[in-house]
C-alpha atoms as a PDB file:
ATOM      1  CA  UNK A   1      -4.833 -32.473   5.017  1.00  0.00           C
ATOM      2  CA  UNK A   2      -5.530 -29.696   7.534  1.00  0.00           C
ATOM      3  CA  UNK A   3      -2.023 -28.291   7.062  1.00  0.00           C
ATOM      4  CA  UNK A   4      -2.490 -28.079   3.274  1.00  0.00           C
ATOM      5  CA  UNK A   5      -5.771 -26.229   3.719  1.00  0.00           C
ATOM      6  CA  UNK A   6      -4.273 -23.674   6.101  1.00  0.00           C
ATOM      7  CA  UNK A   7      -1.313 -23.179   3.745  1.00  0.00           C
ATOM      8  CA  UNK A   8      -3.711 -22.532   0.860  1.00  0.00           C
ATOM      9  CA  UNK A   9      -5.659 -20.034   2.975  1.00  0.00           C
ATOM     10  CA  UNK A  10      -2.401 -18.332   3.949  1.00  0.00           C
ATOM     11  CA  UNK A  11      -1.330 -18.093   0.297  1.00  0.00           C
ATOM     12  CA  UNK A  12      -4.744 -16.688  -0.670  1.00  0.00           C
ATOM     13  CA  UNK A  13      -4.458 -14.121   2.103  1.00  0.00           C
ATOM     14  CA  UNK A  14      -0.909 -13.275   1.046  1.00  0.00           C
ATOM     15  CA  UNK A  15      -2.053 -12.783  -2.565  1.00  0.00           C
ATOM     16  CA  UNK A  16      -4.873 -10.502  -1.360  1.00  0.00           C
ATOM     17  CA  UNK A  17      -2.415  -8.401   0.662  1.00  0.00           C
ATOM     18  CA  UNK A  18      -0.032  -8.083  -2.306  1.00  0.00           C
ATOM     19  CA  UNK A  19      -2.939  -7.144  -4.587  1.00  0.00           C
ATOM     20  CA  UNK A  20      -4.183  -4.595  -2.026  1.00  0.00           C
ATOM     21  CA  UNK A  21      -0.712  -3.041  -1.853  1.00  0.00           C
ATOM     22  CA  UNK A  22      -0.540  -2.858  -5.647  1.00  0.00           C
ATOM     23  CA  UNK A  23      -3.993  -1.258  -5.802  1.00  0.00           C
ATOM     24  CA  UNK A  24      -2.932   1.356  -3.244  1.00  0.00           C
ATOM     25  CA  UNK A  25       0.199   2.158  -5.272  1.00  0.00           C
ATOM     26  CA  UNK A  26      -1.846   2.447  -8.485  1.00  0.00           C
ATOM     27  CA  UNK A  27      -4.292   4.786  -6.698  1.00  0.00           C
ATOM     28  CA  UNK A  28      -1.474   7.000  -5.424  1.00  0.00           C
ATOM     29  CA  UNK A  29      -0.011   7.147  -8.943  1.00  0.00           C
ATOM     30  CA  UNK A  30      -3.449   7.955 -10.416  1.00  0.00           C
ATOM     31  CA  UNK A  31      -2.731   5.056 -12.786  1.00  0.00           C
ATOM     32  CA  UNK A  32      -5.093   4.154 -15.641  1.00  0.00           C
ATOM     33  CA  UNK A  33      -4.563   0.489 -14.589  1.00  0.00           C
ATOM     34  CA  UNK A  34      -6.315   1.057 -11.239  1.00  0.00           C
ATOM     35  CA  UNK A  35      -9.844   0.316 -12.452  1.00  0.00           C
ATOM     36  CA  UNK A  36      -8.961  -2.970 -14.156  1.00  0.00           C
ATOM     37  CA  UNK A  37      -6.769  -4.196 -11.291  1.00  0.00           C
ATOM     38  CA  UNK A  38      -9.449  -3.402  -8.720  1.00  0.00           C
ATOM     39  CA  UNK A  39     -12.070  -5.116 -10.883  1.00  0.00           C
ATOM     40  CA  UNK A  40      -9.938  -8.292 -10.997  1.00  0.00           C
ATOM     41  CA  UNK A  41      -9.365  -8.392  -7.241  1.00  0.00           C
ATOM     42  CA  UNK A  42     -12.840  -7.244  -6.099  1.00  0.00           C
ATOM     43  CA  UNK A  43     -15.372  -8.199  -8.811  1.00  0.00           C
ATOM     44  CA  UNK A  44     -18.299  -8.163  -6.333  1.00  0.00           C
ATOM     45  CA  UNK A  45     -17.705  -4.491  -5.552  1.00  0.00           C
ATOM     46  CA  UNK A  46     -18.745  -3.410  -9.047  1.00  0.00           C
ATOM     47  CA  UNK A  47     -21.703  -5.796  -9.153  1.00  0.00           C
ATOM     48  CA  UNK A  48     -23.028  -4.182  -5.963  1.00  0.00           C
ATOM     49  CA  UNK A  49     -22.430  -0.642  -7.234  1.00  0.00           C
ATOM     50  CA  UNK A  50     -24.064  -1.362 -10.601  1.00  0.00           C
ATOM     51  CA  UNK A  51     -27.068  -2.874  -8.801  1.00  0.00           C
ATOM     52  CA  UNK A  52     -27.564   0.525  -7.146  1.00  0.00           C
ATOM     53  CA  UNK A  53     -26.610   2.734 -10.112  1.00  0.00           C
ATOM     54  CA  UNK A  54     -25.875   1.060 -13.466  1.00  0.00           C
ATOM     55  CA  UNK A  55     -24.986   4.329 -15.230  1.00  0.00           C
ATOM     56  CA  UNK A  56     -21.748   5.307 -13.519  1.00  0.00           C
ATOM     57  CA  UNK A  57     -18.879   6.547 -15.676  1.00  0.00           C
ATOM     58  CA  UNK A  58     -15.373   5.087 -15.330  1.00  0.00           C
ATOM     59  CA  UNK A  59     -14.198   8.289 -13.638  1.00  0.00           C
ATOM     60  CA  UNK A  60     -16.959   7.866 -11.032  1.00  0.00           C
ATOM     61  CA  UNK A  61     -16.024   4.213 -10.525  1.00  0.00           C
ATOM     62  CA  UNK A  62     -12.413   5.209  -9.943  1.00  0.00           C
ATOM     63  CA  UNK A  63     -13.599   7.782  -7.410  1.00  0.00           C
ATOM     64  CA  UNK A  64     -15.583   5.000  -5.697  1.00  0.00           C
ATOM     65  CA  UNK A  65     -12.363   2.988  -5.495  1.00  0.00           C
ATOM     66  CA  UNK A  66     -10.602   5.888  -3.755  1.00  0.00           C
ATOM     67  CA  UNK A  67     -13.407   6.019  -1.204  1.00  0.00           C
ATOM     68  CA  UNK A  68     -13.369   2.238  -0.786  1.00  0.00           C
ATOM     69  CA  UNK A  69      -9.613   2.493  -0.091  1.00  0.00           C
ATOM     70  CA  UNK A  70     -10.496   4.937   2.693  1.00  0.00           C
ATOM     71  CA  UNK A  71      -8.410   7.760   1.225  1.00  0.00           C
ATOM     72  CA  UNK A  72      -9.103  11.191   2.699  1.00  0.00           C
ATOM     73  CA  UNK A  73     -10.380  14.133   0.673  1.00  0.00           C
ATOM     74  CA  UNK A  74      -6.917  15.698   0.872  1.00  0.00           C
ATOM     75  CA  UNK A  75      -5.186  12.479  -0.270  1.00  0.00           C
ATOM     76  CA  UNK A  76      -7.565  12.042  -3.216  1.00  0.00           C
ATOM     77  CA  UNK A  77      -7.049  15.678  -4.177  1.00  0.00           C
ATOM     78  CA  UNK A  78      -3.267  15.231  -4.081  1.00  0.00           C
ATOM     79  CA  UNK A  79      -3.277  12.014  -6.137  1.00  0.00           C
ATOM     80  CA  UNK A  80      -5.717  13.335  -8.752  1.00  0.00           C
ATOM     81  CA  UNK A  81      -4.253  16.855  -8.981  1.00  0.00           C
ATOM     82  CA  UNK A  82      -7.455  18.721  -8.057  1.00  0.00           C
ATOM     83  CA  UNK A  83      -8.503  20.835  -5.084  1.00  0.00           C
ATOM     84  CA  UNK A  84     -10.029  19.370  -1.924  1.00  0.00           C
ATOM     85  CA  UNK A  85     -13.144  21.460  -2.682  1.00  0.00           C
ATOM     86  CA  UNK A  86     -13.508  19.675  -6.045  1.00  0.00           C
ATOM     87  CA  UNK A  87     -13.282  16.326  -4.229  1.00  0.00           C
ATOM     88  CA  UNK A  88     -16.004  17.428  -1.782  1.00  0.00           C
ATOM     89  CA  UNK A  89     -18.208  18.352  -4.733  1.00  0.00           C
ATOM     90  CA  UNK A  90     -17.576  14.942  -6.343  1.00  0.00           C
ATOM     91  CA  UNK A  91     -18.472  13.220  -3.062  1.00  0.00           C
ATOM     92  CA  UNK A  92     -21.751  15.155  -2.928  1.00  0.00           C
ATOM     93  CA  UNK A  93     -22.633  14.324  -6.544  1.00  0.00           C
ATOM     94  CA  UNK A  94     -21.806  10.662  -5.931  1.00  0.00           C
ATOM     95  CA  UNK A  95     -23.962  10.638  -2.775  1.00  0.00           C
ATOM     96  CA  UNK A  96     -26.873  11.854  -4.878  1.00  0.00           C
ATOM     97  CA  UNK A  97     -26.315   9.275  -7.616  1.00  0.00           C
ATOM     98  CA  UNK A  98     -25.994   6.378  -5.156  1.00  0.00           C
ATOM     99  CA  UNK A  99     -28.735   7.646  -2.812  1.00  0.00           C
ATOM    100  CA  UNK A 100     -26.402   7.882   0.183  1.00  0.00           C
ATOM    101  CA  UNK A 101     -27.987   9.982   2.927  1.00  0.00           C
ATOM    102  CA  UNK A 102     -26.074  13.131   3.884  1.00  0.00           C
ATOM    103  CA  UNK A 103     -25.887  11.983   7.520  1.00  0.00           C
ATOM    104  CA  UNK A 104     -24.285   8.657   6.471  1.00  0.00           C
ATOM    105  CA  UNK A 105     -20.505   8.372   6.638  1.00  0.00           C
ATOM    106  CA  UNK A 106     -19.588   7.746   2.994  1.00  0.00           C
ATOM    107  CA  UNK A 107     -16.507   5.722   3.982  1.00  0.00           C
ATOM    108  CA  UNK A 108     -18.555   3.409   6.204  1.00  0.00           C
ATOM    109  CA  UNK A 109     -21.098   3.064   3.397  1.00  0.00           C
ATOM    110  CA  UNK A 110     -18.397   1.911   0.974  1.00  0.00           C
ATOM    111  CA  UNK A 111     -16.820  -0.403   3.553  1.00  0.00           C
ATOM    112  CA  UNK A 112     -20.180  -2.110   4.113  1.00  0.00           C
ATOM    113  CA  UNK A 113     -20.797  -2.503   0.392  1.00  0.00           C
END
């Protein structure tokens, strides 16, 4: 019985890792499938975000995913074909919308969400 349970946990973990890899690839490709895939794998993430700010647009949710994936400003800029300055501006607007203090590390905030 114990062996079956640990095998199931291992398979669940393996599925999570594969899904995480796929999400990272979709993010790097700036794929329109990113939002739906992330929503399937991490449904609680969106529930928590919508509890804070129910009026986020899909583009803002996708930006939240990039931050949750711990991608740097430069990486996000590269994958989304905009300047790092534009990404900084988006981070600041998102901070305001989600009431994230300016002295709070936005990546830590998303990781704790």
